[in-house]
Structures are given as C-alpha cells and as structure tokens.
PDB file of N, CA and C in Angstrom:
ATOM      1  N   MET A   1      82.458 -58.611  57.345  1.00  0.00           N
ATOM      2  CA  MET A   1      82.766 -57.250  56.939  1.00  0.00           C
ATOM      3  C   MET A   1      81.517 -56.607  56.344  1.00  0.00           C
ATOM      4  N   GLN A   2      81.295 -55.347  56.691  1.00  0.00           N
ATOM      5  CA  GLN A   2      80.126 -54.638  56.201  1.00  0.00           C
ATOM      6  C   GLN A   2      80.416 -53.956  54.873  1.00  0.00           C
ATOM      7  N   SER A   3      79.374 -53.817  54.080  1.00  0.00           N
ATOM      8  CA  SER A   3      79.549 -53.090  52.829  1.00  0.00           C
ATOM      9  C   SER A   3      79.703 -51.601  53.130  1.00  0.00           C
ATOM     10  N   SER A   4      80.282 -50.904  52.191  1.00  0.00           N
ATOM     11  CA  SER A   4      80.498 -49.471  52.397  1.00  0.00           C
ATOM     12  C   SER A   4      79.160 -48.726  52.473  1.00  0.00           C
ATOM     13  N   PHE A   5      78.141 -49.228  51.785  1.00  0.00           N
ATOM     14  CA  PHE A   5      76.833 -48.575  51.823  1.00  0.00           C
ATOM     15  C   PHE A   5      76.214 -48.700  53.217  1.00  0.00           C
ATOM     16  N   LYS A   6      76.299 -49.889  53.811  1.00  0.00           N
ATOM     17  CA  LYS A   6      75.768 -50.060  55.167  1.00  0.00           C
ATOM     18  C   LYS A   6      76.479 -49.138  56.139  1.00  0.00           C
ATOM     19  N   LEU A   7      77.759 -49.000  55.976  1.00  0.00           N
ATOM     20  CA  LEU A   7      78.535 -48.121  56.836  1.00  0.00           C
ATOM     21  C   LEU A   7      78.099 -46.665  56.657  1.00  0.00           C
ATOM     22  N   GLU A   8      77.853 -46.266  55.418  1.00  0.00           N
ATOM     23  CA  GLU A   8      77.377 -44.910  55.149  1.00  0.00           C
ATOM     24  C   GLU A   8      76.027 -44.652  55.813  1.00  0.00           C
ATOM     25  N   VAL A   9      75.143 -45.640  55.760  1.00  0.00           N
ATOM     26  CA  VAL A   9      73.821 -45.492  56.366  1.00  0.00           C
ATOM     27  C   VAL A   9      73.956 -45.365  57.884  1.00  0.00           C
ATOM     28  N   LYS A  10      74.811 -46.171  58.489  1.00  0.00           N
ATOM     29  CA  LYS A  10      75.023 -46.079  59.932  1.00  0.00           C
ATOM     30  C   LYS A  10      75.605 -44.728  60.332  1.00  0.00           C
ATOM     31  N   LEU A  11      76.559 -44.244  59.555  1.00  0.00           N
ATOM     32  CA  LEU A  11      77.136 -42.935  59.838  1.00  0.00           C
ATOM     33  C   LEU A  11      76.098 -41.824  59.681  1.00  0.00           C
ATOM     34  N   MET A  12      75.228 -41.957  58.689  1.00  0.00           N
ATOM     35  CA  MET A  12      74.164 -40.983  58.491  1.00  0.00           C
ATOM     36  C   MET A  12      73.204 -40.991  59.681  1.00  0.00           C
ATOM     37  N   TYR A  13      72.865 -42.183  60.178  1.00  0.00           N
ATOM     38  CA  TYR A  13      71.974 -42.295  61.329  1.00  0.00           C
ATOM     39  C   TYR A  13      72.600 -41.607  62.545  1.00  0.00           C
ATOM     40  N   ARG A  14      73.877 -41.848  62.762  1.00  0.00           N
ATOM     41  CA  ARG A  14      74.584 -41.202  63.878  1.00  0.00           C
ATOM     42  C   ARG A  14      74.573 -39.688  63.721  1.00  0.00           C
ATOM     43  N   GLU A  15      74.749 -39.215  62.515  1.00  0.00           N
ATOM     44  CA  GLU A  15      74.738 -37.778  62.253  1.00  0.00           C
ATOM     45  C   GLU A  15      73.361 -37.185  62.566  1.00  0.00           C
ATOM     46  N   PHE A  16      72.299 -37.898  62.171  1.00  0.00           N
ATOM     47  CA  PHE A  16      70.942 -37.467  62.514  1.00  0.00           C
ATOM     48  C   PHE A  16      70.800 -37.347  64.026  1.00  0.00           C
ATOM     49  N   MET A  17      71.248 -38.363  64.755  1.00  0.00           N
ATOM     50  CA  MET A  17      71.100 -38.364  66.213  1.00  0.00           C
ATOM     51  C   MET A  17      71.874 -37.209  66.854  1.00  0.00           C
ATOM     52  N   LYS A  18      73.071 -36.948  66.390  1.00  0.00           N
ATOM     53  CA  LYS A  18      73.863 -35.842  66.939  1.00  0.00           C
ATOM     54  C   LYS A  18      73.140 -34.513  66.755  1.00  0.00           C
ATOM     55  N   ILE A  19      72.599 -34.312  65.578  1.00  0.00           N
ATOM     56  CA  ILE A  19      71.926 -33.046  65.286  1.00  0.00           C
ATOM     57  C   ILE A  19      70.629 -32.928  66.073  1.00  0.00           C
ATOM     58  N   ILE A  20      69.876 -34.016  66.145  1.00  0.00           N
ATOM     59  CA  ILE A  20      68.590 -33.977  66.845  1.00  0.00           C
ATOM     60  C   ILE A  20      68.786 -33.689  68.324  1.00  0.00           C
ATOM     61  N   TYR A  21      69.796 -34.255  68.941  1.00  0.00           N
ATOM     62  CA  TYR A  21      70.013 -34.020  70.363  1.00  0.00           C
ATOM     63  C   TYR A  21      70.474 -32.601  70.660  1.00  0.00           C
ATOM     64  N   LYS A  22      70.817 -31.835  69.640  1.00  0.00           N
ATOM     65  CA  LYS A  22      71.163 -30.430  69.825  1.00  0.00           C
ATOM     66  C   LYS A  22      69.941 -29.518  69.661  1.00  0.00           C
ATOM     67  N   LYS A  23      68.824 -30.093  69.209  1.00  0.00           N
ATOM     68  CA  LYS A  23      67.612 -29.319  68.975  1.00  0.00           C
ATOM     69  C   LYS A  23      66.878 -29.045  70.287  1.00  0.00           C
ATOM     70  N   ASP A  24      65.860 -28.227  70.189  1.00  0.00           N
ATOM     71  CA  ASP A  24      65.018 -27.865  71.324  1.00  0.00           C
ATOM     72  C   ASP A  24      64.382 -29.117  71.941  1.00  0.00           C
ATOM     73  N   PRO A  25      64.490 -29.288  73.257  1.00  0.00           N
ATOM     74  CA  PRO A  25      63.944 -30.498  73.900  1.00  0.00           C
ATOM     75  C   PRO A  25      62.454 -30.718  73.669  1.00  0.00           C
ATOM     76  N   SER A  26      61.695 -29.642  73.441  1.00  0.00           N
ATOM     77  CA  SER A  26      60.255 -29.813  73.225  1.00  0.00           C
ATOM     78  C   SER A  26      59.948 -30.500  71.895  1.00  0.00           C
ATOM     79  N   LYS A  27      60.823 -30.361  70.909  1.00  0.00           N
ATOM     80  CA  LYS A  27      60.617 -30.990  69.591  1.00  0.00           C
ATOM     81  C   LYS A  27      61.477 -32.231  69.390  1.00  0.00           C
ATOM     82  N   ARG A  28      62.381 -32.487  70.305  1.00  0.00           N
ATOM     83  CA  ARG A  28      63.346 -33.570  70.140  1.00  0.00           C
ATOM     84  C   ARG A  28      62.677 -34.937  70.010  1.00  0.00           C
ATOM     85  N   LEU A  29      61.697 -35.222  70.854  1.00  0.00           N
ATOM     86  CA  LEU A  29      61.050 -36.537  70.831  1.00  0.00           C
ATOM     87  C   LEU A  29      60.379 -36.810  69.486  1.00  0.00           C
ATOM     88  N   GLU A  30      59.722 -35.790  68.953  1.00  0.00           N
ATOM     89  CA  GLU A  30      59.063 -35.933  67.648  1.00  0.00           C
ATOM     90  C   GLU A  30      60.090 -36.216  66.553  1.00  0.00           C
ATOM     91  N   LEU A  31      61.197 -35.482  66.572  1.00  0.00           N
ATOM     92  CA  LEU A  31      62.249 -35.687  65.572  1.00  0.00           C
ATOM     93  C   LEU A  31      62.886 -37.065  65.700  1.00  0.00           C
ATOM     94  N   LEU A  32      63.124 -37.497  66.941  1.00  0.00           N
ATOM     95  CA  LEU A  32      63.717 -38.822  67.157  1.00  0.00           C
ATOM     96  C   LEU A  32      62.813 -39.924  66.629  1.00  0.00           C
ATOM     97  N   GLN A  33      61.535 -39.843  66.970  1.00  0.00           N
ATOM     98  CA  GLN A  33      60.601 -40.886  66.534  1.00  0.00           C
ATOM     99  C   GLN A  33      60.471 -40.912  65.019  1.00  0.00           C
ATOM    100  N   ARG A  34      60.393 -39.739  64.413  1.00  0.00           N
ATOM    101  CA  ARG A  34      60.271 -39.660  62.955  1.00  0.00           C
ATOM    102  C   ARG A  34      61.505 -40.247  62.266  1.00  0.00           C
ATOM    103  N   THR A  35      62.679 -39.924  62.798  1.00  0.00           N
ATOM    104  CA  THR A  35      63.918 -40.436  62.220  1.00  0.00           C
ATOM    105  C   THR A  35      63.995 -41.947  62.353  1.00  0.00           C
ATOM    106  N   ARG A  36      63.672 -42.465  63.506  1.00  0.00           N
ATOM    107  CA  ARG A  36      63.688 -43.918  63.712  1.00  0.00           C
ATOM    108  C   ARG A  36      62.717 -44.614  62.778  1.00  0.00           C
ATOM    109  N   ASP A  37      61.517 -44.039  62.642  1.00  0.00           N
ATOM    110  CA  ASP A  37      60.520 -44.638  61.750  1.00  0.00           C
ATOM    111  C   ASP A  37      60.997 -44.645  60.300  1.00  0.00           C
ATOM    112  N   GLU A  38      61.610 -43.551  59.872  1.00  0.00           N
ATOM    113  CA  GLU A  38      62.108 -43.466  58.495  1.00  0.00           C
ATOM    114  C   GLU A  38      63.208 -44.493  58.233  1.00  0.00           C
ATOM    115  N   PHE A  39      64.124 -44.662  59.180  1.00  0.00           N
ATOM    116  CA  PHE A  39      65.199 -45.634  58.988  1.00  0.00           C
ATOM    117  C   PHE A  39      64.662 -47.072  59.029  1.00  0.00           C
ATOM    118  N   LYS A  40      63.664 -47.327  59.870  1.00  0.00           N
ATOM    119  CA  LYS A  40      63.048 -48.661  59.894  1.00  0.00           C
ATOM    120  C   LYS A  40      62.344 -48.951  58.571  1.00  0.00           C
ATOM    121  N   ALA A  41      61.660 -47.955  58.036  1.00  0.00           N
ATOM    122  CA  ALA A  41      60.996 -48.132  56.740  1.00  0.00           C
ATOM    123  C   ALA A  41      62.031 -48.366  55.642  1.00  0.00           C
ATOM    124  N   GLY A  42      63.133 -47.656  55.704  1.00  0.00           N
ATOM    125  CA  GLY A  42      64.197 -47.838  54.724  1.00  0.00           C
ATOM    126  C   GLY A  42      64.831 -49.209  54.806  1.00  0.00           C
ATOM    127  N   ALA A  43      64.891 -49.762  56.007  1.00  0.00           N
ATOM    128  CA  ALA A  43      65.480 -51.089  56.178  1.00  0.00           C
ATOM    129  C   ALA A  43      64.619 -52.173  55.542  1.00  0.00           C
ATOM    130  N   LYS A  44      63.348 -51.895  55.345  1.00  0.00           N
ATOM    131  CA  LYS A  44      62.428 -52.882  54.760  1.00  0.00           C
ATOM    132  C   LYS A  44      62.442 -52.873  53.233  1.00  0.00           C
ATOM    133  N   ILE A  45      63.140 -51.911  52.650  1.00  0.00           N
ATOM    134  CA  ILE A  45      63.224 -51.856  51.184  1.00  0.00           C
ATOM    135  C   ILE A  45      64.096 -53.017  50.710  1.00  0.00           C
ATOM    136  N   PRO A  46      63.624 -53.799  49.749  1.00  0.00           N
ATOM    137  CA  PRO A  46      64.435 -54.917  49.244  1.00  0.00           C
ATOM    138  C   PRO A  46      65.770 -54.420  48.682  1.00  0.00           C
ATOM    139  N   ARG A  47      66.826 -55.120  48.992  1.00  0.00           N
ATOM    140  CA  ARG A  47      68.170 -54.704  48.567  1.00  0.00           C
ATOM    141  C   ARG A  47      68.322 -54.671  47.058  1.00  0.00           C
ATOM    142  N   LYS A  48      67.544 -55.472  46.354  1.00  0.00           N
ATOM    143  CA  LYS A  48      67.661 -55.523  44.896  1.00  0.00           C
ATOM    144  C   LYS A  48      66.919 -54.386  44.199  1.00  0.00           C
ATOM    145  N   ASP A  49      66.083 -53.671  44.941  1.00  0.00           N
ATOM    146  CA  ASP A  49      65.352 -52.530  44.375  1.00  0.00           C
ATOM    147  C   ASP A  49      66.244 -51.287  44.487  1.00  0.00           C
ATOM    148  N   ILE A  50      67.198 -51.207  43.597  1.00  0.00           N
ATOM    149  CA  ILE A  50      68.247 -50.191  43.677  1.00  0.00           C
ATOM    150  C   ILE A  50      67.676 -48.784  43.544  1.00  0.00           C
ATOM    151  N   ILE A  51      66.685 -48.618  42.733  1.00  0.00           N
ATOM    152  CA  ILE A  51      66.101 -47.286  42.537  1.00  0.00           C
ATOM    153  C   ILE A  51      65.463 -46.802  43.831  1.00  0.00           C
ATOM    154  N   ALA A  52      64.703 -47.654  44.500  1.00  0.00           N
ATOM    155  CA  ALA A  52      64.055 -47.273  45.761  1.00  0.00           C
ATOM    156  C   ALA A  52      65.082 -47.007  46.856  1.00  0.00           C
ATOM    157  N   VAL A  53      66.127 -47.825  46.910  1.00  0.00           N
ATOM    158  CA  VAL A  53      67.188 -47.635  47.910  1.00  0.00           C
ATOM    159  C   VAL A  53      67.886 -46.306  47.658  1.00  0.00           C
ATOM    160  N   ASP A  54      68.219 -46.032  46.421  1.00  0.00           N
ATOM    161  CA  ASP A  54      68.899 -44.785  46.074  1.00  0.00           C
ATOM    162  C   ASP A  54      68.015 -43.582  46.389  1.00  0.00           C
ATOM    163  N   TYR A  55      66.733 -43.675  46.079  1.00  0.00           N
ATOM    164  CA  TYR A  55      65.805 -42.580  46.367  1.00  0.00           C
ATOM    165  C   TYR A  55      65.734 -42.322  47.872  1.00  0.00           C
ATOM    166  N   ALA A  56      65.590 -43.380  48.669  1.00  0.00           N
ATOM    167  CA  ALA A  56      65.503 -43.225  50.119  1.00  0.00           C
ATOM    168  C   ALA A  56      66.789 -42.625  50.688  1.00  0.00           C
ATOM    169  N   PHE A  57      67.921 -43.062  50.180  1.00  0.00           N
ATOM    170  CA  PHE A  57      69.203 -42.554  50.654  1.00  0.00           C
ATOM    171  C   PHE A  57      69.354 -41.068  50.325  1.00  0.00           C
ATOM    172  N   ASN A  58      68.995 -40.683  49.105  1.00  0.00           N
ATOM    173  CA  ASN A  58      69.082 -39.275  48.711  1.00  0.00           C
ATOM    174  C   ASN A  58      68.106 -38.402  49.483  1.00  0.00           C
ATOM    175  N   GLN A  59      66.924 -38.932  49.739  1.00  0.00           N
ATOM    176  CA  GLN A  59      65.940 -38.192  50.531  1.00  0.00           C
ATOM    177  C   GLN A  59      66.469 -37.970  51.949  1.00  0.00           C
ATOM    178  N   ALA A  60      67.077 -38.979  52.526  1.00  0.00           N
ATOM    179  CA  ALA A  60      67.649 -38.851  53.868  1.00  0.00           C
ATOM    180  C   ALA A  60      68.779 -37.827  53.871  1.00  0.00           C
ATOM    181  N   ASN A  61      69.591 -37.818  52.823  1.00  0.00           N
ATOM    182  CA  ASN A  61      70.665 -36.821  52.725  1.00  0.00           C
ATOM    183  C   ASN A  61      70.104 -35.406  52.682  1.00  0.00           C
ATOM    184  N   ARG A  62      69.015 -35.210  51.942  1.00  0.00           N
ATOM    185  CA  ARG A  62      68.391 -33.884  51.876  1.00  0.00           C
ATOM    186  C   ARG A  62      67.853 -33.469  53.239  1.00  0.00           C
ATOM    187  N   GLN A  63      67.197 -34.402  53.938  1.00  0.00           N
ATOM    188  CA  GLN A  63      66.659 -34.082  55.255  1.00  0.00           C
ATOM    189  C   GLN A  63      67.782 -33.794  56.252  1.00  0.00           C
ATOM    190  N   LEU A  64      68.866 -34.524  56.160  1.00  0.00           N
ATOM    191  CA  LEU A  64      70.009 -34.289  57.033  1.00  0.00           C
ATOM    192  C   LEU A  64      70.587 -32.896  56.777  1.00  0.00           C
ATOM    193  N   TYR A  65      70.723 -32.536  55.522  1.00  0.00           N
ATOM    194  CA  TYR A  65      71.221 -31.203  55.176  1.00  0.00           C
ATOM    195  C   TYR A  65      70.312 -30.117  55.747  1.00  0.00           C
ATOM    196  N   GLN A  66      69.004 -30.305  55.624  1.00  0.00           N
ATOM    197  CA  GLN A  66      68.058 -29.323  56.144  1.00  0.00           C
ATOM    198  C   GLN A  66      68.132 -29.218  57.662  1.00  0.00           C
ATOM    199  N   LEU A  67      68.283 -30.341  58.332  1.00  0.00           N
ATOM    200  CA  LEU A  67      68.414 -30.301  59.786  1.00  0.00           C
ATOM    201  C   LEU A  67      69.689 -29.583  60.212  1.00  0.00           C
ATOM    202  N   LYS A  68      70.745 -29.744  59.450  1.00  0.00           N
ATOM    203  CA  LYS A  68      72.009 -29.071  59.759  1.00  0.00           C
ATOM    204  C   LYS A  68      71.896 -27.557  59.629  1.00  0.00           C
ATOM    205  N   GLN A  69      70.970 -27.087  58.815  1.00  0.00           N
ATOM    206  CA  GLN A  69      70.806 -25.647  58.624  1.00  0.00           C
ATOM    207  C   GLN A  69      70.377 -24.946  59.903  1.00  0.00           C
ATOM    208  N   GLY A  70      69.726 -25.657  60.807  1.00  0.00           N
ATOM    209  CA  GLY A  70      69.385 -25.102  62.105  1.00  0.00           C
ATOM    210  C   GLY A  70      68.005 -24.512  62.228  1.00  0.00           C
ATOM    211  N   ASN A  71      67.328 -24.218  61.140  1.00  0.00           N
ATOM    212  CA  ASN A  71      66.010 -23.607  61.247  1.00  0.00           C
ATOM    213  C   ASN A  71      64.876 -24.627  61.127  1.00  0.00           C
ATOM    214  N   ILE A  72      65.193 -25.896  60.977  1.00  0.00           N
ATOM    215  CA  ILE A  72      64.188 -26.953  60.876  1.00  0.00           C
ATOM    216  C   ILE A  72      63.909 -27.496  62.272  1.00  0.00           C
ATOM    217  N   VAL A  73      62.616 -27.590  62.618  1.00  0.00           N
ATOM    218  CA  VAL A  73      62.264 -28.126  63.934  1.00  0.00           C
ATOM    219  C   VAL A  73      61.453 -29.411  63.845  1.00  0.00           C
ATOM    220  N   SER A  74      60.934 -29.755  62.650  1.00  0.00           N
ATOM    221  CA  SER A  74      60.201 -31.008  62.496  1.00  0.00           C
ATOM    222  C   SER A  74      60.327 -31.484  61.057  1.00  0.00           C
ATOM    223  N   MET A  75      59.972 -32.776  60.828  1.00  0.00           N
ATOM    224  CA  MET A  75      60.088 -33.361  59.493  1.00  0.00           C
ATOM    225  C   MET A  75      58.762 -33.977  59.090  1.00  0.00           C
ATOM    226  N   THR A  76      58.493 -33.936  57.807  1.00  0.00           N
ATOM    227  CA  THR A  76      57.349 -34.639  57.244  1.00  0.00           C
ATOM    228  C   THR A  76      57.817 -35.345  55.986  1.00  0.00           C
ATOM    229  N   THR A  77      57.041 -36.311  55.540  1.00  0.00           N
ATOM    230  CA  THR A  77      57.385 -37.041  54.331  1.00  0.00           C
ATOM    231  C   THR A  77      56.178 -37.070  53.415  1.00  0.00           C
ATOM    232  N   TYR A  78      56.414 -36.816  52.149  1.00  0.00           N
ATOM    233  CA  TYR A  78      55.369 -36.892  51.156  1.00  0.00           C
ATOM    234  C   TYR A  78      55.169 -38.357  50.772  1.00  0.00           C
ATOM    235  N   THR A  79      53.924 -38.803  50.818  1.00  0.00           N
ATOM    236  CA  THR A  79      53.586 -40.155  50.400  1.00  0.00           C
ATOM    237  C   THR A  79      52.615 -40.072  49.225  1.00  0.00           C
ATOM    238  N   PRO A  80      53.003 -40.556  48.046  1.00  0.00           N
ATOM    239  CA  PRO A  80      52.091 -40.508  46.899  1.00  0.00           C
ATOM    240  C   PRO A  80      50.815 -41.290  47.178  1.00  0.00           C
ATOM    241  N   LYS A  81      49.738 -40.894  46.520  1.00  0.00           N
ATOM    242  CA  LYS A  81      48.446 -41.552  46.729  1.00  0.00           C
ATOM    243  C   LYS A  81      48.514 -43.043  46.438  1.00  0.00           C
ATOM    244  N   SER A  82      49.343 -43.436  45.488  1.00  0.00           N
ATOM    245  CA  SER A  82      49.438 -44.852  45.124  1.00  0.00           C
ATOM    246  C   SER A  82      50.060 -45.696  46.237  1.00  0.00           C
ATOM    247  N   ASN A  83      50.802 -45.086  47.168  1.00  0.00           N
ATOM    248  CA  ASN A  83      51.458 -45.824  48.242  1.00  0.00           C
ATOM    249  C   ASN A  83      50.728 -45.719  49.576  1.00  0.00           C
ATOM    250  N   ARG A  84      49.703 -44.907  49.644  1.00  0.00           N
ATOM    251  CA  ARG A  84      48.973 -44.738  50.915  1.00  0.00           C
ATOM    252  C   ARG A  84      48.113 -45.935  51.194  1.00  0.00           C
ATOM    253  N   LYS A  85      47.965 -46.224  52.478  1.00  0.00           N
ATOM    254  CA  LYS A  85      47.144 -47.385  52.864  1.00  0.00           C
ATOM    255  C   LYS A  85      45.850 -46.946  53.493  1.00  0.00           C
TER     256      LYS A  85
END
C-alpha cells in the first residue's frame, strides 16, 4: 500500500502532464523535460529531510497553479549560490 503523500505526488505529476499537453506544441517539449527533471530531482531528496520535501512539494504546487492560469509558457527554478555546482 502506498502512503497518501506518494499518491498526492503521483496525482500532481498527472495534473502537470494534463496541463502541459494542452499547451502550445512549440513549448510543450521544454515544459515536459523541465517537469520530468524537477520530479526526478525531488525523488532524490532523502525521505527524512522533511523540510526539503515539504519545500519541494509546495514549490511544485505553486508551479502547477501558475501553469493552470494559462499564461505561463515555460518554467525556471531559482537555485541558491550555495547549491550550484
């Protein structure tokens, strides 16, 4: 049985995909790749780091809300200098 949080993340991913496939085909590939990369990065966050997990989940919710608004065509993510490689 899956935890309710895992289920929420899967439902959020599906929601992202539904919205992205309704976007302009010229920007769709960029949005798909960015979304996949963000979810893969989120999957690498240790489960015990609750603050980081919560931050990533809330950030994804904000991006999902913005995509639903209809005027967003691409996404970017702010990376603090301390986390850049």
